[in-house]
Amino acid sequence: MNVNIVATNIELTEAIKAYVLKKLKSVERLLDTTKDKEIKTKVELGKVTKRQSKGIIFAVEVHMSHRKNEFTASAKASDLYAAIDIVKDELMREIKSVKGKKEAEAKKGASKIKKIMREEI
């Protein structure tokens, strides 16, 4: 997985970087990487404003591309790690939705083929 992490108005520490990579690993498991191992991911982390110290101050945005699919998730929270968790959950939901649609299409195609085969016999 090719991950590009950009931090705005905050210092990107190794702990933050490791946490982001750990969360993206769980998302990567949902994607089929047997044929194409190239997953391009851009992560943008940062404070909404420099001066604000209370309320929703952290924003995280992730853009992930795998084959022909583009997945995007964003979240704002009062804690950076909470925002990362929200984005991970959003990405997983989006990927599962796309996978479910593909599986449903495959089942429809298989049932049509079965129907045609039964009619010919």
PDB file of N, CA and C in Angstrom:
ATOM      1  N   MET A   1       0.842  -1.161   0.000  1.00  0.00           N
ATOM      2  CA  MET A   1       0.000   0.000   0.000  1.00  0.00           C
ATOM      3  C   MET A   1       0.895   1.234   0.000  1.00  0.00           C
ATOM      4  N   ASN A   2       0.599   2.163  -0.869  1.00  0.00           N
ATOM      5  CA  ASN A   2       1.333   3.409  -0.984  1.00  0.00           C
ATOM      6  C   ASN A   2       0.566   4.475  -0.200  1.00  0.00           C
ATOM      7  N   VAL A   3       1.107   4.918   0.932  1.00  0.00           N
ATOM      8  CA  VAL A   3       0.415   5.871   1.801  1.00  0.00           C
ATOM      9  C   VAL A   3       1.184   7.181   1.846  1.00  0.00           C
ATOM     10  N   ASN A   4       0.473   8.268   1.591  1.00  0.00           N
ATOM     11  CA  ASN A   4       1.034   9.609   1.661  1.00  0.00           C
ATOM     12  C   ASN A   4       0.284  10.348   2.767  1.00  0.00           C
ATOM     13  N   ILE A   5       0.986  10.728   3.836  1.00  0.00           N
ATOM     14  CA  ILE A   5       0.354  11.399   4.972  1.00  0.00           C
ATOM     15  C   ILE A   5       0.801  12.852   5.006  1.00  0.00           C
ATOM     16  N   VAL A   6      -0.185  13.754   5.043  1.00  0.00           N
ATOM     17  CA  VAL A   6       0.078  15.185   5.073  1.00  0.00           C
ATOM     18  C   VAL A   6      -0.540  15.761   6.344  1.00  0.00           C
ATOM     19  N   ALA A   7       0.236  16.539   7.095  1.00  0.00           N
ATOM     20  CA  ALA A   7      -0.269  17.159   8.321  1.00  0.00           C
ATOM     21  C   ALA A   7      -0.333  18.669   8.139  1.00  0.00           C
ATOM     22  N   THR A   8      -1.448  19.261   8.581  1.00  0.00           N
ATOM     23  CA  THR A   8      -1.638  20.700   8.478  1.00  0.00           C
ATOM     24  C   THR A   8      -1.865  21.269   9.875  1.00  0.00           C
ATOM     25  N   ASN A   9      -1.087  22.249  10.235  1.00  0.00           N
ATOM     26  CA  ASN A   9      -1.188  22.943  11.524  1.00  0.00           C
ATOM     27  C   ASN A   9      -0.912  22.042  12.729  1.00  0.00           C
ATOM     28  N   ILE A  10      -0.369  20.865  12.530  1.00  0.00           N
ATOM     29  CA  ILE A  10       0.058  19.999  13.630  1.00  0.00           C
ATOM     30  C   ILE A  10       1.368  19.327  13.241  1.00  0.00           C
ATOM     31  N   GLU A  11       2.078  18.839  14.243  1.00  0.00           N
ATOM     32  CA  GLU A  11       3.318  18.115  13.983  1.00  0.00           C
ATOM     33  C   GLU A  11       2.990  16.637  13.785  1.00  0.00           C
ATOM     34  N   LEU A  12       3.496  16.067  12.717  1.00  0.00           N
ATOM     35  CA  LEU A  12       3.257  14.656  12.415  1.00  0.00           C
ATOM     36  C   LEU A  12       4.291  13.815  13.160  1.00  0.00           C
ATOM     37  N   THR A  13       3.874  13.204  14.255  1.00  0.00           N
ATOM     38  CA  THR A  13       4.784  12.389  15.062  1.00  0.00           C
ATOM     39  C   THR A  13       4.752  10.944  14.568  1.00  0.00           C
ATOM     40  N   GLU A  14       5.714  10.177  15.024  1.00  0.00           N
ATOM     41  CA  GLU A  14       5.770   8.757  14.661  1.00  0.00           C
ATOM     42  C   GLU A  14       4.577   8.001  15.234  1.00  0.00           C
ATOM     43  N   ALA A  15       4.107   8.426  16.405  1.00  0.00           N
ATOM     44  CA  ALA A  15       2.952   7.761  17.026  1.00  0.00           C
ATOM     45  C   ALA A  15       1.697   7.945  16.171  1.00  0.00           C
ATOM     46  N   ILE A  16       1.493   9.155  15.679  1.00  0.00           N
ATOM     47  CA  ILE A  16       0.331   9.427  14.818  1.00  0.00           C
ATOM     48  C   ILE A  16       0.456   8.633  13.528  1.00  0.00           C
ATOM     49  N   LYS A  17       1.635   8.654  12.949  1.00  0.00           N
ATOM     50  CA  LYS A  17       1.876   7.931  11.697  1.00  0.00           C
ATOM     51  C   LYS A  17       1.624   6.430  11.872  1.00  0.00           C
ATOM     52  N   ALA A  18       2.131   5.865  12.965  1.00  0.00           N
ATOM     53  CA  ALA A  18       1.940   4.434  13.234  1.00  0.00           C
ATOM     54  C   ALA A  18       0.463   4.111  13.444  1.00  0.00           C
ATOM     55  N   TYR A  19      -0.266   4.991  14.120  1.00  0.00           N
ATOM     56  CA  TYR A  19      -1.692   4.765  14.372  1.00  0.00           C
ATOM     57  C   TYR A  19      -2.481   4.784  13.066  1.00  0.00           C
ATOM     58  N   VAL A  20      -2.162   5.733  12.197  1.00  0.00           N
ATOM     59  CA  VAL A  20      -2.841   5.817  10.894  1.00  0.00           C
ATOM     60  C   VAL A  20      -2.564   4.562  10.077  1.00  0.00           C
ATOM     61  N   LEU A  21      -1.312   4.137  10.022  1.00  0.00           N
ATOM     62  CA  LEU A  21      -0.957   2.944   9.249  1.00  0.00           C
ATOM     63  C   LEU A  21      -1.621   1.691   9.809  1.00  0.00           C
ATOM     64  N   LYS A  22      -1.728   1.608  11.132  1.00  0.00           N
ATOM     65  CA  LYS A  22      -2.390   0.464  11.766  1.00  0.00           C
ATOM     66  C   LYS A  22      -3.863   0.412  11.364  1.00  0.00           C
ATOM     67  N   LYS A  23      -4.531   1.546  11.368  1.00  0.00           N
ATOM     68  CA  LYS A  23      -5.951   1.594  11.008  1.00  0.00           C
ATOM     69  C   LYS A  23      -6.153   1.309   9.522  1.00  0.00           C
ATOM     70  N   LEU A  24      -5.236   1.768   8.682  1.00  0.00           N
ATOM     71  CA  LEU A  24      -5.359   1.517   7.242  1.00  0.00           C
ATOM     72  C   LEU A  24      -5.111   0.048   6.904  1.00  0.00           C
ATOM     73  N   LYS A  25      -4.309  -0.650   7.715  1.00  0.00           N
ATOM     74  CA  LYS A  25      -4.080  -2.087   7.491  1.00  0.00           C
ATOM     75  C   LYS A  25      -5.387  -2.861   7.603  1.00  0.00           C
ATOM     76  N   SER A  26      -6.222  -2.488   8.574  1.00  0.00           N
ATOM     77  CA  SER A  26      -7.498  -3.194   8.732  1.00  0.00           C
ATOM     78  C   SER A  26      -8.430  -2.910   7.560  1.00  0.00           C
ATOM     79  N   VAL A  27      -8.328  -1.721   6.981  1.00  0.00           N
ATOM     80  CA  VAL A  27      -9.139  -1.389   5.803  1.00  0.00           C
ATOM     81  C   VAL A  27      -8.613  -2.143   4.585  1.00  0.00           C
ATOM     82  N   GLU A  28      -7.296  -2.266   4.485  1.00  0.00           N
ATOM     83  CA  GLU A  28      -6.665  -2.939   3.344  1.00  0.00           C
ATOM     84  C   GLU A  28      -7.079  -4.406   3.250  1.00  0.00           C
ATOM     85  N   ARG A  29      -7.335  -5.036   4.395  1.00  0.00           N
ATOM     86  CA  ARG A  29      -7.723  -6.450   4.388  1.00  0.00           C
ATOM     87  C   ARG A  29      -9.030  -6.685   3.632  1.00  0.00           C
ATOM     88  N   LEU A  30      -9.887  -5.675   3.573  1.00  0.00           N
ATOM     89  CA  LEU A  30     -11.161  -5.820   2.864  1.00  0.00           C
ATOM     90  C   LEU A  30     -10.992  -5.806   1.344  1.00  0.00           C
ATOM     91  N   LEU A  31      -9.919  -5.199   0.886  1.00  0.00           N
ATOM     92  CA  LEU A  31      -9.699  -5.075  -0.557  1.00  0.00           C
ATOM     93  C   LEU A  31      -8.956  -6.288  -1.092  1.00  0.00           C
ATOM     94  N   ASP A  32      -9.281  -6.674  -2.312  1.00  0.00           N
ATOM     95  CA  ASP A  32      -8.632  -7.814  -2.959  1.00  0.00           C
ATOM     96  C   ASP A  32      -7.290  -7.354  -3.509  1.00  0.00           C
ATOM     97  N   THR A  33      -6.209  -7.782  -2.883  1.00  0.00           N
ATOM     98  CA  THR A  33      -4.876  -7.352  -3.308  1.00  0.00           C
ATOM     99  C   THR A  33      -4.083  -8.482  -3.949  1.00  0.00           C
ATOM    100  N   THR A  34      -4.749  -9.555  -4.373  1.00  0.00           N
ATOM    101  CA  THR A  34      -4.016 -10.676  -4.956  1.00  0.00           C
ATOM    102  C   THR A  34      -3.489 -10.332  -6.341  1.00  0.00           C
ATOM    103  N   LYS A  35      -4.301  -9.687  -7.157  1.00  0.00           N
ATOM    104  CA  LYS A  35      -3.879  -9.365  -8.516  1.00  0.00           C
ATOM    105  C   LYS A  35      -3.111  -8.051  -8.567  1.00  0.00           C
ATOM    106  N   ASP A  36      -3.651  -7.040  -7.922  1.00  0.00           N
ATOM    107  CA  ASP A  36      -3.066  -5.708  -7.980  1.00  0.00           C
ATOM    108  C   ASP A  36      -2.773  -5.238  -6.564  1.00  0.00           C
ATOM    109  N   LYS A  37      -1.508  -5.202  -6.199  1.00  0.00           N
ATOM    110  CA  LYS A  37      -1.157  -4.843  -4.833  1.00  0.00           C
ATOM    111  C   LYS A  37      -1.060  -3.335  -4.629  1.00  0.00           C
ATOM    112  N   GLU A  38      -1.277  -2.567  -5.666  1.00  0.00           N
ATOM    113  CA  GLU A  38      -1.119  -1.123  -5.568  1.00  0.00           C
ATOM    114  C   GLU A  38      -2.403  -0.451  -5.089  1.00  0.00           C
ATOM    115  N   ILE A  39      -2.391  -0.017  -3.847  1.00  0.00           N
ATOM    116  CA  ILE A  39      -3.475   0.771  -3.281  1.00  0.00           C
ATOM    117  C   ILE A  39      -2.868   2.128  -2.945  1.00  0.00           C
ATOM    118  N   LYS A  40      -3.345   3.166  -3.603  1.00  0.00           N
ATOM    119  CA  LYS A  40      -2.822   4.506  -3.351  1.00  0.00           C
ATOM    120  C   LYS A  40      -3.721   5.201  -2.339  1.00  0.00           C
ATOM    121  N   THR A  41      -3.109   5.708  -1.291  1.00  0.00           N
ATOM    122  CA  THR A  41      -3.863   6.334  -0.214  1.00  0.00           C
ATOM    123  C   THR A  41      -3.232   7.670   0.151  1.00  0.00           C
ATOM    124  N   LYS A  42      -4.086   8.682   0.246  1.00  0.00           N
ATOM    125  CA  LYS A  42      -3.631   9.998   0.693  1.00  0.00           C
ATOM    126  C   LYS A  42      -4.412  10.346   1.951  1.00  0.00           C
ATOM    127  N   VAL A  43      -3.687  10.635   3.023  1.00  0.00           N
ATOM    128  CA  VAL A  43      -4.296  10.962   4.309  1.00  0.00           C
ATOM    129  C   VAL A  43      -3.936  12.404   4.655  1.00  0.00           C
ATOM    130  N   GLU A  44      -4.948  13.205   4.946  1.00  0.00           N
ATOM    131  CA  GLU A  44      -4.737  14.590   5.358  1.00  0.00           C
ATOM    132  C   GLU A  44      -5.237  14.743   6.787  1.00  0.00           C
ATOM    133  N   LEU A  45      -4.325  15.122   7.686  1.00  0.00           N
ATOM    134  CA  LEU A  45      -4.683  15.336   9.086  1.00  0.00           C
ATOM    135  C   LEU A  45      -4.379  16.775   9.438  1.00  0.00           C
ATOM    136  N   GLY A  46      -5.130  17.313  10.371  1.00  0.00           N
ATOM    137  CA  GLY A  46      -4.787  18.652  10.804  1.00  0.00           C
ATOM    138  C   GLY A  46      -5.799  19.289  11.711  1.00  0.00           C
ATOM    139  N   LYS A  47      -5.408  20.463  12.184  1.00  0.00           N
ATOM    140  CA  LYS A  47      -6.309  21.278  12.977  1.00  0.00           C
ATOM    141  C   LYS A  47      -7.125  22.130  12.020  1.00  0.00           C
ATOM    142  N   VAL A  48      -8.379  22.357  12.390  1.00  0.00           N
ATOM    143  CA  VAL A  48      -9.243  23.182  11.557  1.00  0.00           C
ATOM    144  C   VAL A  48      -8.716  24.612  11.555  1.00  0.00           C
ATOM    145  N   THR A  49      -8.391  25.137  12.726  1.00  0.00           N
ATOM    146  CA  THR A  49      -7.775  26.461  12.848  1.00  0.00           C
ATOM    147  C   THR A  49      -6.613  26.370  13.827  1.00  0.00           C
ATOM    148  N   LYS A  50      -5.683  27.286  13.720  1.00  0.00           N
ATOM    149  CA  LYS A  50      -4.511  27.259  14.593  1.00  0.00           C
ATOM    150  C   LYS A  50      -4.845  27.660  16.027  1.00  0.00           C
ATOM    151  N   ARG A  51      -5.748  28.619  16.190  1.00  0.00           N
ATOM    152  CA  ARG A  51      -5.978  29.207  17.507  1.00  0.00           C
ATOM    153  C   ARG A  51      -7.007  28.468  18.349  1.00  0.00           C
ATOM    154  N   GLN A  52      -7.917  27.764  17.724  1.00  0.00           N
ATOM    155  CA  GLN A  52      -9.003  27.119  18.466  1.00  0.00           C
ATOM    156  C   GLN A  52      -8.458  26.001  19.350  1.00  0.00           C
ATOM    157  N   SER A  53      -8.947  25.941  20.606  1.00  0.00           N
ATOM    158  CA  SER A  53      -8.464  24.903  21.519  1.00  0.00           C
ATOM    159  C   SER A  53      -9.590  24.081  22.134  1.00  0.00           C
ATOM    160  N   LYS A  54     -10.851  24.424  21.864  1.00  0.00           N
ATOM    161  CA  LYS A  54     -11.985  23.675  22.399  1.00  0.00           C
ATOM    162  C   LYS A  54     -12.935  23.302  21.273  1.00  0.00           C
ATOM    163  N   GLY A  55     -13.675  22.226  21.508  1.00  0.00           N
ATOM    164  CA  GLY A  55     -14.667  21.808  20.517  1.00  0.00           C
ATOM    165  C   GLY A  55     -14.054  20.935  19.437  1.00  0.00           C
ATOM    166  N   ILE A  56     -14.683  20.964  18.282  1.00  0.00           N
ATOM    167  CA  ILE A  56     -14.220  20.147  17.154  1.00  0.00           C
ATOM    168  C   ILE A  56     -13.062  20.876  16.478  1.00  0.00           C
ATOM    169  N   ILE A  57     -11.851  20.391  16.718  1.00  0.00           N
ATOM    170  CA  ILE A  57     -10.687  21.097  16.192  1.00  0.00           C
ATOM    171  C   ILE A  57      -9.837  20.270  15.239  1.00  0.00           C
ATOM    172  N   PHE A  58     -10.036  18.958  15.181  1.00  0.00           N
ATOM    173  CA  PHE A  58      -9.221  18.110  14.309  1.00  0.00           C
ATOM    174  C   PHE A  58     -10.043  17.586  13.139  1.00  0.00           C
ATOM    175  N   ALA A  59      -9.431  17.575  11.970  1.00  0.00           N
ATOM    176  CA  ALA A  59     -10.086  17.056  10.770  1.00  0.00           C
ATOM    177  C   ALA A  59      -9.172  16.030  10.118  1.00  0.00           C
ATOM    178  N   VAL A  60      -9.772  14.954   9.632  1.00  0.00           N
ATOM    179  CA  VAL A  60      -9.030  13.900   8.936  1.00  0.00           C
ATOM    180  C   VAL A  60      -9.775  13.582   7.656  1.00  0.00           C
ATOM    181  N   GLU A  61      -9.030  13.478   6.562  1.00  0.00           N
ATOM    182  CA  GLU A  61      -9.625  13.139   5.270  1.00  0.00           C
ATOM    183  C   GLU A  61      -8.743  12.093   4.598  1.00  0.00           C
ATOM    184  N   VAL A  62      -9.380  11.056   4.046  1.00  0.00           N
ATOM    185  CA  VAL A  62      -8.639   9.972   3.395  1.00  0.00           C
ATOM    186  C   VAL A  62      -9.198   9.753   2.001  1.00  0.00           C
ATOM    187  N   HIS A  63      -8.298   9.693   1.021  1.00  0.00           N
ATOM    188  CA  HIS A  63      -8.650   9.356  -0.356  1.00  0.00           C
ATOM    189  C   HIS A  63      -7.902   8.075  -0.701  1.00  0.00           C
ATOM    190  N   MET A  64      -8.634   7.043  -1.073  1.00  0.00           N
ATOM    191  CA  MET A  64      -8.030   5.747  -1.366  1.00  0.00           C
ATOM    192  C   MET A  64      -8.469   5.302  -2.756  1.00  0.00           C
ATOM    193  N   SER A  65      -7.502   4.886  -3.578  1.00  0.00           N
ATOM    194  CA  SER A  65      -7.848   4.373  -4.907  1.00  0.00           C
ATOM    195  C   SER A  65      -7.291   2.964  -5.061  1.00  0.00           C
ATOM    196  N   HIS A  66      -8.161   2.082  -5.537  1.00  0.00           N
ATOM    197  CA  HIS A  66      -7.806   0.681  -5.736  1.00  0.00           C
ATOM    198  C   HIS A  66      -8.466   0.244  -7.028  1.00  0.00           C
ATOM    199  N   ARG A  67      -7.656  -0.120  -7.997  1.00  0.00           N
ATOM    200  CA  ARG A  67      -8.144  -0.462  -9.330  1.00  0.00           C
ATOM    201  C   ARG A  67      -8.992   0.684  -9.865  1.00  0.00           C
ATOM    202  N   LYS A  68     -10.264   0.445 -10.150  1.00  0.00           N
ATOM    203  CA  LYS A  68     -11.119   1.496 -10.708  1.00  0.00           C
ATOM    204  C   LYS A  68     -11.957   2.192  -9.641  1.00  0.00           C
ATOM    205  N   ASN A  69     -11.821   1.787  -8.403  1.00  0.00           N
ATOM    206  CA  ASN A  69     -12.647   2.334  -7.326  1.00  0.00           C
ATOM    207  C   ASN A  69     -11.928   3.455  -6.586  1.00  0.00           C
ATOM    208  N   GLU A  70     -12.698   4.482  -6.246  1.00  0.00           N
ATOM    209  CA  GLU A  70     -12.207   5.589  -5.437  1.00  0.00           C
ATOM    210  C   GLU A  70     -13.023   5.626  -4.149  1.00  0.00           C
ATOM    211  N   PHE A  71     -12.354   5.638  -3.022  1.00  0.00           N
ATOM    212  CA  PHE A  71     -13.029   5.703  -1.731  1.00  0.00           C
ATOM    213  C   PHE A  71     -12.562   6.960  -1.012  1.00  0.00           C
ATOM    214  N   THR A  72     -13.519   7.702  -0.463  1.00  0.00           N
ATOM    215  CA  THR A  72     -13.205   8.936   0.238  1.00  0.00           C
ATOM    216  C   THR A  72     -13.975   8.982   1.548  1.00  0.00           C
ATOM    217  N   ALA A  73     -13.303   9.410   2.601  1.00  0.00           N
ATOM    218  CA  ALA A  73     -13.960   9.567   3.898  1.00  0.00           C
ATOM    219  C   ALA A  73     -13.336  10.755   4.617  1.00  0.00           C
ATOM    220  N   SER A  74     -14.162  11.464   5.363  1.00  0.00           N
ATOM    221  CA  SER A  74     -13.653  12.586   6.146  1.00  0.00           C
ATOM    222  C   SER A  74     -14.409  12.670   7.459  1.00  0.00           C
ATOM    223  N   ALA A  75     -13.741  13.228   8.463  1.00  0.00           N
ATOM    224  CA  ALA A  75     -14.365  13.360   9.780  1.00  0.00           C
ATOM    225  C   ALA A  75     -13.717  14.504  10.538  1.00  0.00           C
ATOM    226  N   LYS A  76     -14.505  15.070  11.437  1.00  0.00           N
ATOM    227  CA  LYS A  76     -14.008  16.103  12.345  1.00  0.00           C
ATOM    228  C   LYS A  76     -14.366  15.675  13.760  1.00  0.00           C
ATOM    229  N   ALA A  77     -13.436  15.885  14.680  1.00  0.00           N
ATOM    230  CA  ALA A  77     -13.673  15.499  16.072  1.00  0.00           C
ATOM    231  C   ALA A  77     -12.801  16.346  16.992  1.00  0.00           C
ATOM    232  N   SER A  78     -13.071  16.235  18.282  1.00  0.00           N
ATOM    233  CA  SER A  78     -12.289  16.992  19.259  1.00  0.00           C
ATOM    234  C   SER A  78     -10.945  16.321  19.548  1.00  0.00           C
ATOM    235  N   ASP A  79     -10.796  15.057  19.147  1.00  0.00           N
ATOM    236  CA  ASP A  79      -9.566  14.298  19.360  1.00  0.00           C
ATOM    237  C   ASP A  79      -9.098  13.747  18.014  1.00  0.00           C
ATOM    238  N   LEU A  80      -7.816  13.855  17.732  1.00  0.00           N
ATOM    239  CA  LEU A  80      -7.278  13.398  16.449  1.00  0.00           C
ATOM    240  C   LEU A  80      -7.463  11.899  16.262  1.00  0.00           C
ATOM    241  N   TYR A  81      -7.221  11.121  17.303  1.00  0.00           N
ATOM    242  CA  TYR A  81      -7.342   9.668  17.206  1.00  0.00           C
ATOM    243  C   TYR A  81      -8.798   9.247  16.998  1.00  0.00           C
ATOM    244  N   ALA A  82      -9.727   9.974  17.604  1.00  0.00           N
ATOM    245  CA  ALA A  82     -11.152   9.681  17.402  1.00  0.00           C
ATOM    246  C   ALA A  82     -11.550   9.964  15.957  1.00  0.00           C
ATOM    247  N   ALA A  83     -11.030  11.036  15.390  1.00  0.00           N
ATOM    248  CA  ALA A  83     -11.322  11.367  13.994  1.00  0.00           C
ATOM    249  C   ALA A  83     -10.771  10.291  13.057  1.00  0.00           C
ATOM    250  N   ILE A  84      -9.592   9.770  13.364  1.00  0.00           N
ATOM    251  CA  ILE A  84      -9.003   8.700  12.552  1.00  0.00           C
ATOM    252  C   ILE A  84      -9.875   7.448  12.619  1.00  0.00           C
ATOM    253  N   ASP A  85     -10.369   7.122  13.812  1.00  0.00           N
ATOM    254  CA  ASP A  85     -11.251   5.959  13.970  1.00  0.00           C
ATOM    255  C   ASP A  85     -12.545   6.122  13.177  1.00  0.00           C
ATOM    256  N   ILE A  86     -13.121   7.317  13.202  1.00  0.00           N
ATOM    257  CA  ILE A  86     -14.359   7.581  12.464  1.00  0.00           C
ATOM    258  C   ILE A  86     -14.130   7.409  10.967  1.00  0.00           C
ATOM    259  N   VAL A  87     -13.012   7.921  10.474  1.00  0.00           N
ATOM    260  CA  VAL A  87     -12.689   7.803   9.045  1.00  0.00           C
ATOM    261  C   VAL A  87     -12.498   6.342   8.663  1.00  0.00           C
ATOM    262  N   LYS A  88     -11.825   5.577   9.517  1.00  0.00           N
ATOM    263  CA  LYS A  88     -11.626   4.145   9.236  1.00  0.00           C
ATOM    264  C   LYS A  88     -12.961   3.424   9.119  1.00  0.00           C
ATOM    265  N   ASP A  89     -13.867   3.694  10.057  1.00  0.00           N
ATOM    266  CA  ASP A  89     -15.183   3.055  10.021  1.00  0.00           C
ATOM    267  C   ASP A  89     -15.960   3.445   8.766  1.00  0.00           C
ATOM    268  N   GLU A  90     -15.862   4.709   8.383  1.00  0.00           N
ATOM    269  CA  GLU A  90     -16.545   5.195   7.183  1.00  0.00           C
ATOM    270  C   GLU A  90     -15.995   4.510   5.926  1.00  0.00           C
ATOM    271  N   LEU A  91     -14.674   4.389   5.848  1.00  0.00           N
ATOM    272  CA  LEU A  91     -14.050   3.709   4.704  1.00  0.00           C
ATOM    273  C   LEU A  91     -14.471   2.246   4.632  1.00  0.00           C
ATOM    274  N   MET A  92     -14.485   1.576   5.765  1.00  0.00           N
ATOM    275  CA  MET A  92     -14.871   0.161   5.784  1.00  0.00           C
ATOM    276  C   MET A  92     -16.321  -0.003   5.328  1.00  0.00           C
ATOM    277  N   ARG A  93     -17.190   0.896   5.759  1.00  0.00           N
ATOM    278  CA  ARG A  93     -18.593   0.841   5.357  1.00  0.00           C
ATOM    279  C   ARG A  93     -18.717   1.025   3.838  1.00  0.00           C
ATOM    280  N   GLU A  94     -17.974   1.978   3.302  1.00  0.00           N
ATOM    281  CA  GLU A  94     -18.023   2.257   1.866  1.00  0.00           C
ATOM    282  C   GLU A  94     -17.487   1.079   1.046  1.00  0.00           C
ATOM    283  N   ILE A  95     -16.395   0.476   1.480  1.00  0.00           N
ATOM    284  CA  ILE A  95     -15.808  -0.660   0.765  1.00  0.00           C
ATOM    285  C   ILE A  95     -16.741  -1.862   0.813  1.00  0.00           C
ATOM    286  N   LYS A  96     -17.330  -2.125   1.982  1.00  0.00           N
ATOM    287  CA  LYS A  96     -18.269  -3.245   2.096  1.00  0.00           C
ATOM    288  C   LYS A  96     -19.480  -3.042   1.200  1.00  0.00           C
ATOM    289  N   SER A  97     -19.925  -1.813   1.046  1.00  0.00           N
ATOM    290  CA  SER A  97     -21.062  -1.513   0.181  1.00  0.00           C
ATOM    291  C   SER A  97     -20.735  -1.842  -1.273  1.00  0.00           C
ATOM    292  N   VAL A  98     -19.564  -1.429  -1.726  1.00  0.00           N
ATOM    293  CA  VAL A  98     -19.145  -1.700  -3.108  1.00  0.00           C
ATOM    294  C   VAL A  98     -18.974  -3.201  -3.324  1.00  0.00           C
ATOM    295  N   LYS A  99     -18.359  -3.888  -2.355  1.00  0.00           N
ATOM    296  CA  LYS A  99     -18.183  -5.338  -2.478  1.00  0.00           C
ATOM    297  C   LYS A  99     -19.524  -6.053  -2.527  1.00  0.00           C
ATOM    298  N   GLY A 100     -20.485  -5.604  -1.730  1.00  0.00           N
ATOM    299  CA  GLY A 100     -21.815  -6.208  -1.716  1.00  0.00           C
ATOM    300  C   GLY A 100     -22.521  -6.056  -3.049  1.00  0.00           C
ATOM    301  N   LYS A 101     -22.363  -4.893  -3.669  1.00  0.00           N
ATOM    302  CA  LYS A 101     -22.986  -4.659  -4.978  1.00  0.00           C
ATOM    303  C   LYS A 101     -22.375  -5.575  -6.036  1.00  0.00           C
ATOM    304  N   LYS A 102     -21.065  -5.748  -5.995  1.00  0.00           N
ATOM    305  CA  LYS A 102     -20.405  -6.621  -6.973  1.00  0.00           C
ATOM    306  C   LYS A 102     -20.835  -8.073  -6.795  1.00  0.00           C
ATOM    307  N   GLU A 103     -20.949  -8.511  -5.544  1.00  0.00           N
ATOM    308  CA  GLU A 103     -21.374  -9.888  -5.281  1.00  0.00           C
ATOM    309  C   GLU A 103     -22.815 -10.105  -5.725  1.00  0.00           C
ATOM    310  N   ALA A 104     -23.670  -9.104  -5.533  1.00  0.00           N
ATOM    311  CA  ALA A 104     -25.068  -9.212  -5.957  1.00  0.00           C
ATOM    312  C   ALA A 104     -25.153  -9.310  -7.480  1.00  0.00           C
ATOM    313  N   GLU A 105     -24.336  -8.524  -8.185  1.00  0.00           N
ATOM    314  CA  GLU A 105     -24.317  -8.597  -9.648  1.00  0.00           C
ATOM    315  C   GLU A 105     -23.862  -9.974 -10.115  1.00  0.00           C
ATOM    316  N   ALA A 106     -22.866 -10.538  -9.456  1.00  0.00           N
ATOM    317  CA  ALA A 106     -22.374 -11.865  -9.830  1.00  0.00           C
ATOM    318  C   ALA A 106     -23.450 -12.926  -9.610  1.00  0.00           C
ATOM    319  N   LYS A 107     -24.185 -12.824  -8.506  1.00  0.00           N
ATOM    320  CA  LYS A 107     -25.258 -13.784  -8.234  1.00  0.00           C
ATOM    321  C   LYS A 107     -26.380 -13.665  -9.260  1.00  0.00           C
ATOM    322  N   LYS A 108     -26.705 -12.428  -9.661  1.00  0.00           N
ATOM    323  CA  LYS A 108     -27.743 -12.235 -10.680  1.00  0.00           C
ATOM    324  C   LYS A 108     -27.314 -12.872 -11.997  1.00  0.00           C
ATOM    325  N   GLY A 109     -26.065 -12.663 -12.361  1.00  0.00           N
ATOM    326  CA  GLY A 109     -25.556 -13.251 -13.599  1.00  0.00           C
ATOM    327  C   GLY A 109     -25.576 -14.766 -13.548  1.00  0.00           C
ATOM    328  N   ALA A 110     -25.196 -15.324 -12.411  1.00  0.00           N
ATOM    329  CA  ALA A 110     -25.191 -16.782 -12.259  1.00  0.00           C
ATOM    330  C   ALA A 110     -26.604 -17.345 -12.344  1.00  0.00           C
ATOM    331  N   SER A 111     -27.566 -16.654 -11.742  1.00  0.00           N
ATOM    332  CA  SER A 111     -28.947 -17.155 -11.798  1.00  0.00           C
ATOM    333  C   SER A 111     -29.506 -17.070 -13.214  1.00  0.00           C
ATOM    334  N   LYS A 112     -29.116 -16.051 -13.975  1.00  0.00           N
ATOM    335  CA  LYS A 112     -29.561 -15.947 -15.370  1.00  0.00           C
ATOM    336  C   LYS A 112     -28.988 -17.086 -16.208  1.00  0.00           C
ATOM    337  N   ILE A 113     -27.731 -17.414 -15.972  1.00  0.00           N
ATOM    338  CA  ILE A 113     -27.101 -18.514 -16.707  1.00  0.00           C
ATOM    339  C   ILE A 113     -27.786 -19.831 -16.361  1.00  0.00           C
ATOM    340  N   LYS A 114     -28.085 -20.046 -15.083  1.00  0.00           N
ATOM    341  CA  LYS A 114     -28.793 -21.263 -14.674  1.00  0.00           C
ATOM    342  C   LYS A 114     -30.150 -21.351 -15.357  1.00  0.00           C
ATOM    343  N   LYS A 115     -30.850 -20.239 -15.408  1.00  0.00           N
ATOM    344  CA  LYS A 115     -32.176 -20.207 -16.027  1.00  0.00           C
ATOM    345  C   LYS A 115     -32.081 -20.562 -17.508  1.00  0.00           C
ATOM    346  N   ILE A 116     -31.106 -20.018 -18.200  1.00  0.00           N
ATOM    347  CA  ILE A 116     -30.917 -20.312 -19.627  1.00  0.00           C
ATOM    348  C   ILE A 116     -30.571 -21.783 -19.818  1.00  0.00           C
ATOM    349  N   MET A 117     -29.698 -22.313 -18.960  1.00  0.00           N
ATOM    350  CA  MET A 117     -29.304 -23.719 -19.067  1.00  0.00           C
ATOM    351  C   MET A 117     -30.496 -24.650 -18.838  1.00  0.00           C
ATOM    352  N   ARG A 118     -31.362 -24.308 -17.907  1.00  0.00           N
ATOM    353  CA  ARG A 118     -32.542 -25.132 -17.634  1.00  0.00           C
ATOM    354  C   ARG A 118     -33.515 -25.113 -18.805  1.00  0.00           C
ATOM    355  N   GLU A 119     -33.646 -23.965 -19.452  1.00  0.00           N
ATOM    356  CA  GLU A 119     -34.559 -23.849 -20.590  1.00  0.00           C
ATOM    357  C   GLU A 119     -34.069 -24.668 -21.778  1.00  0.00           C
ATOM    358  N   GLU A 120     -32.762 -24.760 -21.947  1.00  0.00           N
ATOM    359  CA  GLU A 120     -32.204 -25.492 -23.080  1.00  0.00           C
ATOM    360  C   GLU A 120     -32.341 -26.995 -22.899  1.00  0.00           C
ATOM    361  N   ILE A 121     -32.379 -27.464 -21.689  1.00  0.00           N
ATOM    362  CA  ILE A 121     -32.445 -28.908 -21.436  1.00  0.00           C
ATOM    363  C   ILE A 121     -33.816 -29.425 -21.598  1.00  0.00           C
TER     364      ILE A 121
END
